[in-house]
């Protein structure tokens, strides 16, 4: 349930509640990935043995490369990385931020046969 709906149900300003949650309650402004969140996100603890790599178009034609833990089957903890764009150098530079120990944990990577991958 969103903040705006809660605001409507309880007769309070939903937009104000949304801002208060984002700026004070959620810890968003203290998030360690905030400075680069528009370009890439990395969740190293989610990596597993079986990994999937694909590109997705989320909105307004923006293309992202997504790396997931296939063992989680789309549940919580399945997202490993999201990188803006599909350029090999950009994606590689982000994925190399994963620790060597975590990278060598991967045994299988599944991806489509897109020429840019």
PDB file of N, CA and C in Angstrom:
ATOM      1  N   UNK A   1       0.844  -1.165   0.000  1.00  0.00           N
ATOM      2  CA  UNK A   1       0.000   0.000   0.000  1.00  0.00           C
ATOM      3  C   UNK A   1       0.891   1.230   0.000  1.00  0.00           C
ATOM      4  N   UNK A   2       0.621   2.148  -0.890  1.00  0.00           N
ATOM      5  CA  UNK A   2       1.427   3.346  -1.024  1.00  0.00           C
ATOM      6  C   UNK A   2       1.065   4.426  -0.017  1.00  0.00           C
ATOM      7  N   UNK A   3       1.973   5.371   0.144  1.00  0.00           N
ATOM      8  CA  UNK A   3       1.771   6.481   1.078  1.00  0.00           C
ATOM      9  C   UNK A   3       0.586   7.348   0.680  1.00  0.00           C
ATOM     10  N   UNK A   4       0.398   7.545  -0.597  1.00  0.00           N
ATOM     11  CA  UNK A   4      -0.718   8.400  -1.047  1.00  0.00           C
ATOM     12  C   UNK A   4      -2.060   7.762  -0.718  1.00  0.00           C
ATOM     13  N   UNK A   5      -2.156   6.442  -0.893  1.00  0.00           N
ATOM     14  CA  UNK A   5      -3.389   5.751  -0.538  1.00  0.00           C
ATOM     15  C   UNK A   5      -3.617   5.804   0.971  1.00  0.00           C
ATOM     16  N   UNK A   6      -2.555   5.621   1.740  1.00  0.00           N
ATOM     17  CA  UNK A   6      -2.676   5.741   3.194  1.00  0.00           C
ATOM     18  C   UNK A   6      -3.163   7.135   3.578  1.00  0.00           C
ATOM     19  N   UNK A   7      -2.631   8.143   2.913  1.00  0.00           N
ATOM     20  CA  UNK A   7      -3.056   9.512   3.169  1.00  0.00           C
ATOM     21  C   UNK A   7      -4.536   9.698   2.905  1.00  0.00           C
ATOM     22  N   UNK A   8      -5.013   9.138   1.799  1.00  0.00           N
ATOM     23  CA  UNK A   8      -6.434   9.237   1.463  1.00  0.00           C
ATOM     24  C   UNK A   8      -7.285   8.524   2.506  1.00  0.00           C
ATOM     25  N   UNK A   9      -6.857   7.329   2.905  1.00  0.00           N
ATOM     26  CA  UNK A   9      -7.633   6.539   3.871  1.00  0.00           C
ATOM     27  C   UNK A   9      -7.699   7.194   5.249  1.00  0.00           C
ATOM     28  N   UNK A  10      -6.621   7.843   5.666  1.00  0.00           N
ATOM     29  CA  UNK A  10      -6.562   8.418   7.009  1.00  0.00           C
ATOM     30  C   UNK A  10      -6.725   9.936   7.043  1.00  0.00           C
ATOM     31  N   UNK A  11      -7.030  10.530   5.888  1.00  0.00           N
ATOM     32  CA  UNK A  11      -7.303  11.956   5.838  1.00  0.00           C
ATOM     33  C   UNK A  11      -6.095  12.839   6.106  1.00  0.00           C
ATOM     34  N   UNK A  12      -4.921  12.385   5.650  1.00  0.00           N
ATOM     35  CA  UNK A  12      -3.708  13.189   5.797  1.00  0.00           C
ATOM     36  C   UNK A  12      -3.098  13.425   4.420  1.00  0.00           C
ATOM     37  N   UNK A  13      -2.126  14.308   4.336  1.00  0.00           N
ATOM     38  CA  UNK A  13      -1.462  14.625   3.073  1.00  0.00           C
ATOM     39  C   UNK A  13      -0.533  13.469   2.675  1.00  0.00           C
ATOM     40  N   UNK A  14      -0.950  12.707   1.669  1.00  0.00           N
ATOM     41  CA  UNK A  14      -0.194  11.538   1.223  1.00  0.00           C
ATOM     42  C   UNK A  14       1.166  11.893   0.663  1.00  0.00           C
ATOM     43  N   UNK A  15       1.259  13.029  -0.044  1.00  0.00           N
ATOM     44  CA  UNK A  15       2.547  13.451  -0.611  1.00  0.00           C
ATOM     45  C   UNK A  15       3.527  13.812   0.488  1.00  0.00           C
ATOM     46  N   UNK A  16       3.043  14.480   1.523  1.00  0.00           N
ATOM     47  CA  UNK A  16       3.894  14.818   2.662  1.00  0.00           C
ATOM     48  C   UNK A  16       4.364  13.544   3.369  1.00  0.00           C
ATOM     49  N   UNK A  17       3.451  12.598   3.558  1.00  0.00           N
ATOM     50  CA  UNK A  17       3.810  11.323   4.179  1.00  0.00           C
ATOM     51  C   UNK A  17       4.876  10.603   3.357  1.00  0.00           C
ATOM     52  N   UNK A  18       4.723  10.639   2.035  1.00  0.00           N
ATOM     53  CA  UNK A  18       5.697  10.019   1.130  1.00  0.00           C
ATOM     54  C   UNK A  18       7.072  10.661   1.279  1.00  0.00           C
ATOM     55  N   UNK A  19       7.136  11.990   1.309  1.00  0.00           N
ATOM     56  CA  UNK A  19       8.413  12.697   1.476  1.00  0.00           C
ATOM     57  C   UNK A  19       9.034  12.425   2.840  1.00  0.00           C
ATOM     58  N   UNK A  20       8.210  12.419   3.876  1.00  0.00           N
ATOM     59  CA  UNK A  20       8.715  12.154   5.224  1.00  0.00           C
ATOM     60  C   UNK A  20       9.313  10.748   5.308  1.00  0.00           C
ATOM     61  N   UNK A  21       8.626   9.794   4.696  1.00  0.00           N
ATOM     62  CA  UNK A  21       9.141   8.426   4.705  1.00  0.00           C
ATOM     63  C   UNK A  21      10.481   8.361   3.975  1.00  0.00           C
ATOM     64  N   UNK A  22      10.526   8.919   2.768  1.00  0.00           N
ATOM     65  CA  UNK A  22      11.754   8.871   1.967  1.00  0.00           C
ATOM     66  C   UNK A  22      12.914   9.588   2.652  1.00  0.00           C
ATOM     67  N   UNK A  23      12.665  10.775   3.154  1.00  0.00           N
ATOM     68  CA  UNK A  23      13.750  11.609   3.671  1.00  0.00           C
ATOM     69  C   UNK A  23      14.153  11.312   5.110  1.00  0.00           C
ATOM     70  N   UNK A  24      13.279  10.707   5.897  1.00  0.00           N
ATOM     71  CA  UNK A  24      13.595  10.536   7.312  1.00  0.00           C
ATOM     72  C   UNK A  24      13.493   9.094   7.807  1.00  0.00           C
ATOM     73  N   UNK A  25      12.438   8.397   7.452  1.00  0.00           N
ATOM     74  CA  UNK A  25      12.188   7.080   8.030  1.00  0.00           C
ATOM     75  C   UNK A  25      12.936   5.945   7.327  1.00  0.00           C
ATOM     76  N   UNK A  26      13.097   6.051   6.022  1.00  0.00           N
ATOM     77  CA  UNK A  26      13.646   4.936   5.250  1.00  0.00           C
ATOM     78  C   UNK A  26      15.166   4.825   5.296  1.00  0.00           C
ATOM     79  N   UNK A  27      15.853   5.902   5.643  1.00  0.00           N
ATOM     80  CA  UNK A  27      17.310   5.894   5.605  1.00  0.00           C
ATOM     81  C   UNK A  27      17.863   6.091   4.203  1.00  0.00           C
ATOM     82  N   UNK A  28      17.011   6.475   3.253  1.00  0.00           N
ATOM     83  CA  UNK A  28      17.407   6.645   1.857  1.00  0.00           C
ATOM     84  C   UNK A  28      18.558   7.639   1.693  1.00  0.00           C
ATOM     85  N   UNK A  29      18.525   8.735   2.413  1.00  0.00           N
ATOM     86  CA  UNK A  29      19.556   9.772   2.252  1.00  0.00           C
ATOM     87  C   UNK A  29      20.910   9.325   2.796  1.00  0.00           C
ATOM     88  N   UNK A  30      20.937   8.272   3.612  1.00  0.00           N
ATOM     89  CA  UNK A  30      22.187   7.729   4.167  1.00  0.00           C
ATOM     90  C   UNK A  30      22.631   6.466   3.429  1.00  0.00           C
ATOM     91  N   UNK A  31      21.923   6.077   2.392  1.00  0.00           N
ATOM     92  CA  UNK A  31      22.194   4.841   1.663  1.00  0.00           C
ATOM     93  C   UNK A  31      23.547   4.932   0.982  1.00  0.00           C
ATOM     94  N   UNK A  32      24.395   3.916   1.163  1.00  0.00           N
ATOM     95  CA  UNK A  32      25.757   3.959   0.626  1.00  0.00           C
ATOM     96  C   UNK A  32      25.798   3.953  -0.906  1.00  0.00           C
ATOM     97  N   UNK A  33      24.745   3.493  -1.571  1.00  0.00           N
ATOM     98  CA  UNK A  33      24.738   3.450  -3.032  1.00  0.00           C
ATOM     99  C   UNK A  33      24.063   4.671  -3.667  1.00  0.00           C
ATOM    100  N   UNK A  34      23.607   5.586  -2.862  1.00  0.00           N
ATOM    101  CA  UNK A  34      22.888   6.759  -3.376  1.00  0.00           C
ATOM    102  C   UNK A  34      23.691   7.569  -4.407  1.00  0.00           C
ATOM    103  N   UNK A  35      25.004   7.815  -4.202  1.00  0.00           N
ATOM    104  CA  UNK A  35      25.743   8.644  -5.177  1.00  0.00           C
ATOM    105  C   UNK A  35      25.772   8.068  -6.600  1.00  0.00           C
ATOM    106  N   UNK A  36      25.705   6.761  -6.744  1.00  0.00           N
ATOM    107  CA  UNK A  36      25.784   6.170  -8.088  1.00  0.00           C
ATOM    108  C   UNK A  36      24.514   5.404  -8.466  1.00  0.00           C
ATOM    109  N   UNK A  37      23.450   5.534  -7.697  1.00  0.00           N
ATOM    110  CA  UNK A  37      22.234   4.739  -7.900  1.00  0.00           C
ATOM    111  C   UNK A  37      21.583   4.953  -9.262  1.00  0.00           C
ATOM    112  N   UNK A  38      21.743   6.122  -9.856  1.00  0.00           N
ATOM    113  CA  UNK A  38      21.154   6.350 -11.174  1.00  0.00           C
ATOM    114  C   UNK A  38      21.916   5.624 -12.270  1.00  0.00           C
ATOM    115  N   UNK A  39      23.158   5.278 -12.035  1.00  0.00           N
ATOM    116  CA  UNK A  39      23.979   4.603 -13.044  1.00  0.00           C
ATOM    117  C   UNK A  39      24.061   3.089 -12.818  1.00  0.00           C
ATOM    118  N   UNK A  40      24.173   2.670 -11.572  1.00  0.00           N
ATOM    119  CA  UNK A  40      24.270   1.246 -11.273  1.00  0.00           C
ATOM    120  C   UNK A  40      23.987   0.962  -9.795  1.00  0.00           C
ATOM    121  N   UNK A  41      23.504  -0.265  -9.559  1.00  0.00           N
ATOM    122  CA  UNK A  41      23.278  -0.771  -8.204  1.00  0.00           C
ATOM    123  C   UNK A  41      23.919  -2.146  -8.115  1.00  0.00           C
ATOM    124  N   UNK A  42      24.477  -2.462  -6.985  1.00  0.00           N
ATOM    125  CA  UNK A  42      25.160  -3.739  -6.807  1.00  0.00           C
ATOM    126  C   UNK A  42      24.821  -4.298  -5.434  1.00  0.00           C
ATOM    127  N   UNK A  43      24.306  -5.539  -5.411  1.00  0.00           N
ATOM    128  CA  UNK A  43      23.947  -6.213  -4.167  1.00  0.00           C
ATOM    129  C   UNK A  43      24.741  -7.517  -4.090  1.00  0.00           C
ATOM    130  N   UNK A  44      25.972  -7.397  -3.638  1.00  0.00           N
ATOM    131  CA  UNK A  44      26.931  -8.503  -3.653  1.00  0.00           C
ATOM    132  C   UNK A  44      26.455  -9.716  -2.859  1.00  0.00           C
ATOM    133  N   UNK A  45      25.764  -9.488  -1.765  1.00  0.00           N
ATOM    134  CA  UNK A  45      25.344 -10.605  -0.907  1.00  0.00           C
ATOM    135  C   UNK A  45      24.335 -11.522  -1.603  1.00  0.00           C
ATOM    136  N   UNK A  46      23.717 -11.052  -2.697  1.00  0.00           N
ATOM    137  CA  UNK A  46      22.699 -11.843  -3.389  1.00  0.00           C
ATOM    138  C   UNK A  46      23.266 -12.803  -4.432  1.00  0.00           C
ATOM    139  N   UNK A  47      24.554 -12.761  -4.673  1.00  0.00           N
ATOM    140  CA  UNK A  47      25.130 -13.606  -5.722  1.00  0.00           C
ATOM    141  C   UNK A  47      25.045 -15.076  -5.327  1.00  0.00           C
ATOM    142  N   UNK A  48      24.925 -15.922  -6.324  1.00  0.00           N
ATOM    143  CA  UNK A  48      24.833 -17.357  -6.097  1.00  0.00           C
ATOM    144  C   UNK A  48      25.576 -18.123  -7.169  1.00  0.00           C
ATOM    145  N   UNK A  49      25.358 -19.412  -7.203  1.00  0.00           N
ATOM    146  CA  UNK A  49      26.048 -20.297  -8.149  1.00  0.00           C
ATOM    147  C   UNK A  49      25.490 -20.133  -9.561  1.00  0.00           C
ATOM    148  N   UNK A  50      24.166 -19.960  -9.662  1.00  0.00           N
ATOM    149  CA  UNK A  50      23.505 -19.843 -10.966  1.00  0.00           C
ATOM    150  C   UNK A  50      23.007 -18.405 -11.149  1.00  0.00           C
ATOM    151  N   UNK A  51      23.506 -17.756 -12.211  1.00  0.00           N
ATOM    152  CA  UNK A  51      23.249 -16.350 -12.437  1.00  0.00           C
ATOM    153  C   UNK A  51      22.628 -16.159 -13.823  1.00  0.00           C
ATOM    154  N   UNK A  52      21.697 -15.213 -13.931  1.00  0.00           N
ATOM    155  CA  UNK A  52      21.097 -14.866 -15.206  1.00  0.00           C
ATOM    156  C   UNK A  52      21.451 -13.430 -15.565  1.00  0.00           C
ATOM    157  N   UNK A  53      21.709 -13.178 -16.840  1.00  0.00           N
ATOM    158  CA  UNK A  53      22.085 -11.854 -17.329  1.00  0.00           C
ATOM    159  C   UNK A  53      21.194 -11.511 -18.507  1.00  0.00           C
ATOM    160  N   UNK A  54      20.559 -10.339 -18.460  1.00  0.00           N
ATOM    161  CA  UNK A  54      19.687  -9.931 -19.562  1.00  0.00           C
ATOM    162  C   UNK A  54      19.579  -8.411 -19.577  1.00  0.00           C
ATOM    163  N   UNK A  55      19.068  -7.887 -20.670  1.00  0.00           N
ATOM    164  CA  UNK A  55      18.831  -6.453 -20.751  1.00  0.00           C
ATOM    165  C   UNK A  55      17.321  -6.236 -20.736  1.00  0.00           C
ATOM    166  N   UNK A  56      16.910  -5.135 -20.104  1.00  0.00           N
ATOM    167  CA  UNK A  56      15.489  -4.801 -20.016  1.00  0.00           C
ATOM    168  C   UNK A  56      15.302  -3.325 -20.333  1.00  0.00           C
ATOM    169  N   UNK A  57      14.139  -3.016 -20.865  1.00  0.00           N
ATOM    170  CA  UNK A  57      13.766  -1.624 -21.124  1.00  0.00           C
ATOM    171  C   UNK A  57      12.688  -1.282 -20.104  1.00  0.00           C
ATOM    172  N   UNK A  58      13.035  -0.468 -19.099  1.00  0.00           N
ATOM    173  CA  UNK A  58      12.104  -0.188 -18.019  1.00  0.00           C
ATOM    174  C   UNK A  58      11.139   0.935 -18.331  1.00  0.00           C
ATOM    175  N   UNK A  59      11.624   2.055 -18.821  1.00  0.00           N
ATOM    176  CA  UNK A  59      10.735   3.175 -19.133  1.00  0.00           C
ATOM    177  C   UNK A  59      11.434   4.139 -20.080  1.00  0.00           C
ATOM    178  N   UNK A  60      10.627   4.846 -20.844  1.00  0.00           N
ATOM    179  CA  UNK A  60      11.125   5.881 -21.759  1.00  0.00           C
ATOM    180  C   UNK A  60      12.308   5.423 -22.622  1.00  0.00           C
ATOM    181  N   UNK A  61      12.359   4.158 -22.967  1.00  0.00           N
ATOM    182  CA  UNK A  61      13.416   3.658 -23.830  1.00  0.00           C
ATOM    183  C   UNK A  61      14.768   3.480 -23.168  1.00  0.00           C
ATOM    184  N   UNK A  62      14.843   3.633 -21.837  1.00  0.00           N
ATOM    185  CA  UNK A  62      16.115   3.449 -21.131  1.00  0.00           C
ATOM    186  C   UNK A  62      16.406   1.956 -21.019  1.00  0.00           C
ATOM    187  N   UNK A  63      17.591   1.564 -21.439  1.00  0.00           N
ATOM    188  CA  UNK A  63      17.987   0.164 -21.428  1.00  0.00           C
ATOM    189  C   UNK A  63      18.894  -0.110 -20.235  1.00  0.00           C
ATOM    190  N   UNK A  64      18.636  -1.194 -19.537  1.00  0.00           N
ATOM    191  CA  UNK A  64      19.431  -1.588 -18.371  1.00  0.00           C
ATOM    192  C   UNK A  64      19.873  -3.034 -18.515  1.00  0.00           C
ATOM    193  N   UNK A  65      21.022  -3.354 -17.966  1.00  0.00           N
ATOM    194  CA  UNK A  65      21.494  -4.726 -17.872  1.00  0.00           C
ATOM    195  C   UNK A  65      21.229  -5.187 -16.447  1.00  0.00           C
ATOM    196  N   UNK A  66      20.621  -6.373 -16.322  1.00  0.00           N
ATOM    197  CA  UNK A  66      20.230  -6.891 -15.018  1.00  0.00           C
ATOM    198  C   UNK A  66      20.900  -8.245 -14.798  1.00  0.00           C
ATOM    199  N   UNK A  67      21.452  -8.428 -13.610  1.00  0.00           N
ATOM    200  CA  UNK A  67      22.075  -9.683 -13.206  1.00  0.00           C
ATOM    201  C   UNK A  67      21.285 -10.217 -12.021  1.00  0.00           C
ATOM    202  N   UNK A  68      20.808 -11.468 -12.118  1.00  0.00           N
ATOM    203  CA  UNK A  68      19.987 -12.033 -11.056  1.00  0.00           C
ATOM    204  C   UNK A  68      20.527 -13.377 -10.574  1.00  0.00           C
ATOM    205  N   UNK A  69      20.167 -13.737  -9.357  1.00  0.00           N
ATOM    206  CA  UNK A  69      20.458 -15.048  -8.795  1.00  0.00           C
ATOM    207  C   UNK A  69      19.289 -15.947  -9.173  1.00  0.00           C
ATOM    208  N   UNK A  70      19.508 -16.914 -10.061  1.00  0.00           N
ATOM    209  CA  UNK A  70      18.432 -17.752 -10.572  1.00  0.00           C
ATOM    210  C   UNK A  70      17.861 -18.683  -9.507  1.00  0.00           C
ATOM    211  N   UNK A  71      18.644 -19.010  -8.507  1.00  0.00           N
ATOM    212  CA  UNK A  71      18.150 -19.912  -7.451  1.00  0.00           C
ATOM    213  C   UNK A  71      17.038 -19.263  -6.624  1.00  0.00           C
ATOM    214  N   UNK A  72      16.994 -17.952  -6.569  1.00  0.00           N
ATOM    215  CA  UNK A  72      15.979 -17.238  -5.797  1.00  0.00           C
ATOM    216  C   UNK A  72      14.636 -17.168  -6.534  1.00  0.00           C
ATOM    217  N   UNK A  73      14.629 -17.476  -7.838  1.00  0.00           N
ATOM    218  CA  UNK A  73      13.406 -17.544  -8.652  1.00  0.00           C
ATOM    219  C   UNK A  73      12.541 -16.295  -8.560  1.00  0.00           C
ATOM    220  N   UNK A  74      13.181 -15.122  -8.583  1.00  0.00           N
ATOM    221  CA  UNK A  74      12.460 -13.858  -8.594  1.00  0.00           C
ATOM    222  C   UNK A  74      12.001 -13.374  -7.231  1.00  0.00           C
ATOM    223  N   UNK A  75      12.281 -14.133  -6.189  1.00  0.00           N
ATOM    224  CA  UNK A  75      11.878 -13.715  -4.842  1.00  0.00           C
ATOM    225  C   UNK A  75      12.875 -12.709  -4.283  1.00  0.00           C
ATOM    226  N   UNK A  76      12.652 -12.304  -3.076  1.00  0.00           N
ATOM    227  CA  UNK A  76      13.527 -11.361  -2.391  1.00  0.00           C
ATOM    228  C   UNK A  76      14.966 -11.877  -2.400  1.00  0.00           C
ATOM    229  N   UNK A  77      15.900 -10.996  -2.698  1.00  0.00           N
ATOM    230  CA  UNK A  77      17.302 -11.374  -2.730  1.00  0.00           C
ATOM    231  C   UNK A  77      17.777 -11.920  -4.060  1.00  0.00           C
ATOM    232  N   UNK A  78      16.960 -11.794  -5.102  1.00  0.00           N
ATOM    233  CA  UNK A  78      17.382 -12.329  -6.402  1.00  0.00           C
ATOM    234  C   UNK A  78      18.173 -11.321  -7.237  1.00  0.00           C
ATOM    235  N   UNK A  79      18.046 -10.039  -6.955  1.00  0.00           N
ATOM    236  CA  UNK A  79      18.719  -9.002  -7.743  1.00  0.00           C
ATOM    237  C   UNK A  79      20.169  -8.829  -7.286  1.00  0.00           C
ATOM    238  N   UNK A  80      21.100  -9.013  -8.209  1.00  0.00           N
ATOM    239  CA  UNK A  80      22.526  -8.865  -7.917  1.00  0.00           C
ATOM    240  C   UNK A  80      23.026  -7.506  -8.404  1.00  0.00           C
ATOM    241  N   UNK A  81      22.665  -7.139  -9.631  1.00  0.00           N
ATOM    242  CA  UNK A  81      23.142  -5.873 -10.185  1.00  0.00           C
ATOM    243  C   UNK A  81      22.177  -5.327 -11.221  1.00  0.00           C
ATOM    244  N   UNK A  82      22.117  -4.000 -11.298  1.00  0.00           N
ATOM    245  CA  UNK A  82      21.391  -3.289 -12.353  1.00  0.00           C
ATOM    246  C   UNK A  82      22.342  -2.211 -12.848  1.00  0.00           C
ATOM    247  N   UNK A  83      22.606  -2.226 -14.155  1.00  0.00           N
ATOM    248  CA  UNK A  83      23.542  -1.262 -14.748  1.00  0.00           C
ATOM    249  C   UNK A  83      22.827  -0.535 -15.877  1.00  0.00           C
ATOM    250  N   UNK A  84      22.900   0.783 -15.867  1.00  0.00           N
ATOM    251  CA  UNK A  84      22.267   1.576 -16.929  1.00  0.00           C
ATOM    252  C   UNK A  84      23.035   1.361 -18.221  1.00  0.00           C
ATOM    253  N   UNK A  85      22.334   0.906 -19.249  1.00  0.00           N
ATOM    254  CA  UNK A  85      22.943   0.654 -20.548  1.00  0.00           C
ATOM    255  C   UNK A  85      23.343  -0.801 -20.723  1.00  0.00           C
ATOM    256  N   UNK A  86      23.839  -1.101 -21.921  1.00  0.00           N
ATOM    257  CA  UNK A  86      24.262  -2.471 -22.235  1.00  0.00           C
ATOM    258  C   UNK A  86      25.694  -2.519 -22.747  1.00  0.00           C
ATOM    259  N   UNK A  87      26.402  -1.422 -22.652  1.00  0.00           N
ATOM    260  CA  UNK A  87      27.783  -1.363 -23.108  1.00  0.00           C
ATOM    261  C   UNK A  87      28.641  -2.329 -22.287  1.00  0.00           C
ATOM    262  N   UNK A  88      29.388  -3.181 -22.964  1.00  0.00           N
ATOM    263  CA  UNK A  88      30.181  -4.213 -22.308  1.00  0.00           C
ATOM    264  C   UNK A  88      31.175  -3.630 -21.305  1.00  0.00           C
ATOM    265  N   UNK A  89      31.852  -2.554 -21.675  1.00  0.00           N
ATOM    266  CA  UNK A  89      32.842  -1.959 -20.771  1.00  0.00           C
ATOM    267  C   UNK A  89      32.195  -1.428 -19.497  1.00  0.00           C
ATOM    268  N   UNK A  90      31.042  -0.788 -19.640  1.00  0.00           N
ATOM    269  CA  UNK A  90      30.338  -0.244 -18.471  1.00  0.00           C
ATOM    270  C   UNK A  90      29.873  -1.362 -17.562  1.00  0.00           C
ATOM    271  N   UNK A  91      29.228  -2.374 -18.133  1.00  0.00           N
ATOM    272  CA  UNK A  91      28.716  -3.504 -17.342  1.00  0.00           C
ATOM    273  C   UNK A  91      29.867  -4.240 -16.664  1.00  0.00           C
ATOM    274  N   UNK A  92      30.942  -4.482 -17.394  1.00  0.00           N
ATOM    275  CA  UNK A  92      32.096  -5.179 -16.836  1.00  0.00           C
ATOM    276  C   UNK A  92      32.719  -4.388 -15.691  1.00  0.00           C
ATOM    277  N   UNK A  93      32.843  -3.089 -15.845  1.00  0.00           N
ATOM    278  CA  UNK A  93      33.464  -2.281 -14.790  1.00  0.00           C
ATOM    279  C   UNK A  93      32.649  -2.344 -13.496  1.00  0.00           C
ATOM    280  N   UNK A  94      31.347  -2.417 -13.612  1.00  0.00           N
ATOM    281  CA  UNK A  94      30.508  -2.535 -12.413  1.00  0.00           C
ATOM    282  C   UNK A  94      30.616  -3.937 -11.815  1.00  0.00           C
ATOM    283  N   UNK A  95      30.532  -4.961 -12.659  1.00  0.00           N
ATOM    284  CA  UNK A  95      30.579  -6.333 -12.141  1.00  0.00           C
ATOM    285  C   UNK A  95      31.932  -6.676 -11.527  1.00  0.00           C
ATOM    286  N   UNK A  96      32.988  -6.018 -11.970  1.00  0.00           N
ATOM    287  CA  UNK A  96      34.302  -6.257 -11.374  1.00  0.00           C
ATOM    288  C   UNK A  96      34.421  -5.652  -9.973  1.00  0.00           C
ATOM    289  N   UNK A  97      33.429  -4.886  -9.556  1.00  0.00           N
ATOM    290  CA  UNK A  97      33.390  -4.364  -8.188  1.00  0.00           C
ATOM    291  C   UNK A  97      33.001  -5.453  -7.189  1.00  0.00           C
ATOM    292  N   UNK A  98      32.416  -6.540  -7.702  1.00  0.00           N
ATOM    293  CA  UNK A  98      32.127  -7.694  -6.849  1.00  0.00           C
ATOM    294  C   UNK A  98      33.451  -8.285  -6.375  1.00  0.00           C
ATOM    295  N   UNK A  99      33.495  -8.745  -5.164  1.00  0.00           N
ATOM    296  CA  UNK A  99      34.743  -9.320  -4.653  1.00  0.00           C
ATOM    297  C   UNK A  99      35.122 -10.560  -5.464  1.00  0.00           C
ATOM    298  N   UNK A 100      36.383 -10.814  -5.548  1.00  0.00           N
ATOM    299  CA  UNK A 100      36.893 -11.971  -6.296  1.00  0.00           C
ATOM    300  C   UNK A 100      36.286 -13.271  -5.763  1.00  0.00           C
ATOM    301  N   UNK A 101      36.174 -13.363  -4.468  1.00  0.00           N
ATOM    302  CA  UNK A 101      35.600 -14.565  -3.839  1.00  0.00           C
ATOM    303  C   UNK A 101      34.166 -14.774  -4.313  1.00  0.00           C
ATOM    304  N   UNK A 102      33.368 -13.716  -4.373  1.00  0.00           N
ATOM    305  CA  UNK A 102      31.977 -13.821  -4.831  1.00  0.00           C
ATOM    306  C   UNK A 102      31.899 -14.147  -6.319  1.00  0.00           C
ATOM    307  N   UNK A 103      32.744 -13.519  -7.125  1.00  0.00           N
ATOM    308  CA  UNK A 103      32.729 -13.793  -8.572  1.00  0.00           C
ATOM    309  C   UNK A 103      33.074 -15.249  -8.864  1.00  0.00           C
ATOM    310  N   UNK A 104      34.036 -15.802  -8.130  1.00  0.00           N
ATOM    311  CA  UNK A 104      34.445 -17.179  -8.372  1.00  0.00           C
ATOM    312  C   UNK A 104      33.461 -18.186  -7.800  1.00  0.00           C
ATOM    313  N   UNK A 105      32.465 -17.717  -7.101  1.00  0.00           N
ATOM    314  CA  UNK A 105      31.393 -18.564  -6.586  1.00  0.00           C
ATOM    315  C   UNK A 105      30.445 -18.973  -7.719  1.00  0.00           C
ATOM    316  N   UNK A 106      30.364 -18.160  -8.765  1.00  0.00           N
ATOM    317  CA  UNK A 106      29.452 -18.400  -9.892  1.00  0.00           C
ATOM    318  C   UNK A 106      29.968 -19.564 -10.735  1.00  0.00           C
ATOM    319  N   UNK A 107      29.065 -20.500 -11.042  1.00  0.00           N
ATOM    320  CA  UNK A 107      29.421 -21.659 -11.863  1.00  0.00           C
ATOM    321  C   UNK A 107      28.723 -21.632 -13.223  1.00  0.00           C
ATOM    322  N   UNK A 108      27.610 -20.932 -13.321  1.00  0.00           N
ATOM    323  CA  UNK A 108      26.846 -20.920 -14.567  1.00  0.00           C
ATOM    324  C   UNK A 108      26.192 -19.560 -14.754  1.00  0.00           C
ATOM    325  N   UNK A 109      26.313 -19.020 -15.987  1.00  0.00           N
ATOM    326  CA  UNK A 109      25.644 -17.765 -16.342  1.00  0.00           C
ATOM    327  C   UNK A 109      24.746 -18.036 -17.532  1.00  0.00           C
ATOM    328  N   UNK A 110      23.471 -17.729 -17.380  1.00  0.00           N
ATOM    329  CA  UNK A 110      22.500 -17.915 -18.444  1.00  0.00           C
ATOM    330  C   UNK A 110      22.173 -16.563 -19.056  1.00  0.00           C
ATOM    331  N   UNK A 111      22.227 -16.475 -20.399  1.00  0.00           N
ATOM    332  CA  UNK A 111      21.871 -15.240 -21.078  1.00  0.00           C
ATOM    333  C   UNK A 111      21.390 -15.548 -22.478  1.00  0.00           C
ATOM    334  N   UNK A 112      20.665 -14.593 -23.079  1.00  0.00           N
ATOM    335  CA  UNK A 112      20.236 -14.792 -24.447  1.00  0.00           C
ATOM    336  C   UNK A 112      21.425 -14.534 -25.371  1.00  0.00           C
ATOM    337  N   UNK A 113      21.227 -14.728 -26.630  1.00  0.00           N
ATOM    338  CA  UNK A 113      22.321 -14.594 -27.576  1.00  0.00           C
ATOM    339  C   UNK A 113      22.358 -13.218 -28.243  1.00  0.00           C
ATOM    340  N   UNK A 114      22.002 -12.190 -27.499  1.00  0.00           N
ATOM    341  CA  UNK A 114      22.058 -10.836 -28.040  1.00  0.00           C
ATOM    342  C   UNK A 114      23.496 -10.508 -28.412  1.00  0.00           C
ATOM    343  N   UNK A 115      23.715  -9.917 -29.569  1.00  0.00           N
ATOM    344  CA  UNK A 115      25.087  -9.644 -30.029  1.00  0.00           C
ATOM    345  C   UNK A 115      25.875  -8.714 -29.103  1.00  0.00           C
ATOM    346  N   UNK A 116      25.191  -7.814 -28.383  1.00  0.00           N
ATOM    347  CA  UNK A 116      25.918  -6.905 -27.497  1.00  0.00           C
ATOM    348  C   UNK A 116      26.378  -7.575 -26.213  1.00  0.00           C
ATOM    349  N   UNK A 117      25.866  -8.748 -25.909  1.00  0.00           N
ATOM    350  CA  UNK A 117      26.265  -9.455 -24.698  1.00  0.00           C
ATOM    351  C   UNK A 117      27.378 -10.438 -25.010  1.00  0.00           C
TER     352      UNK A 117
END
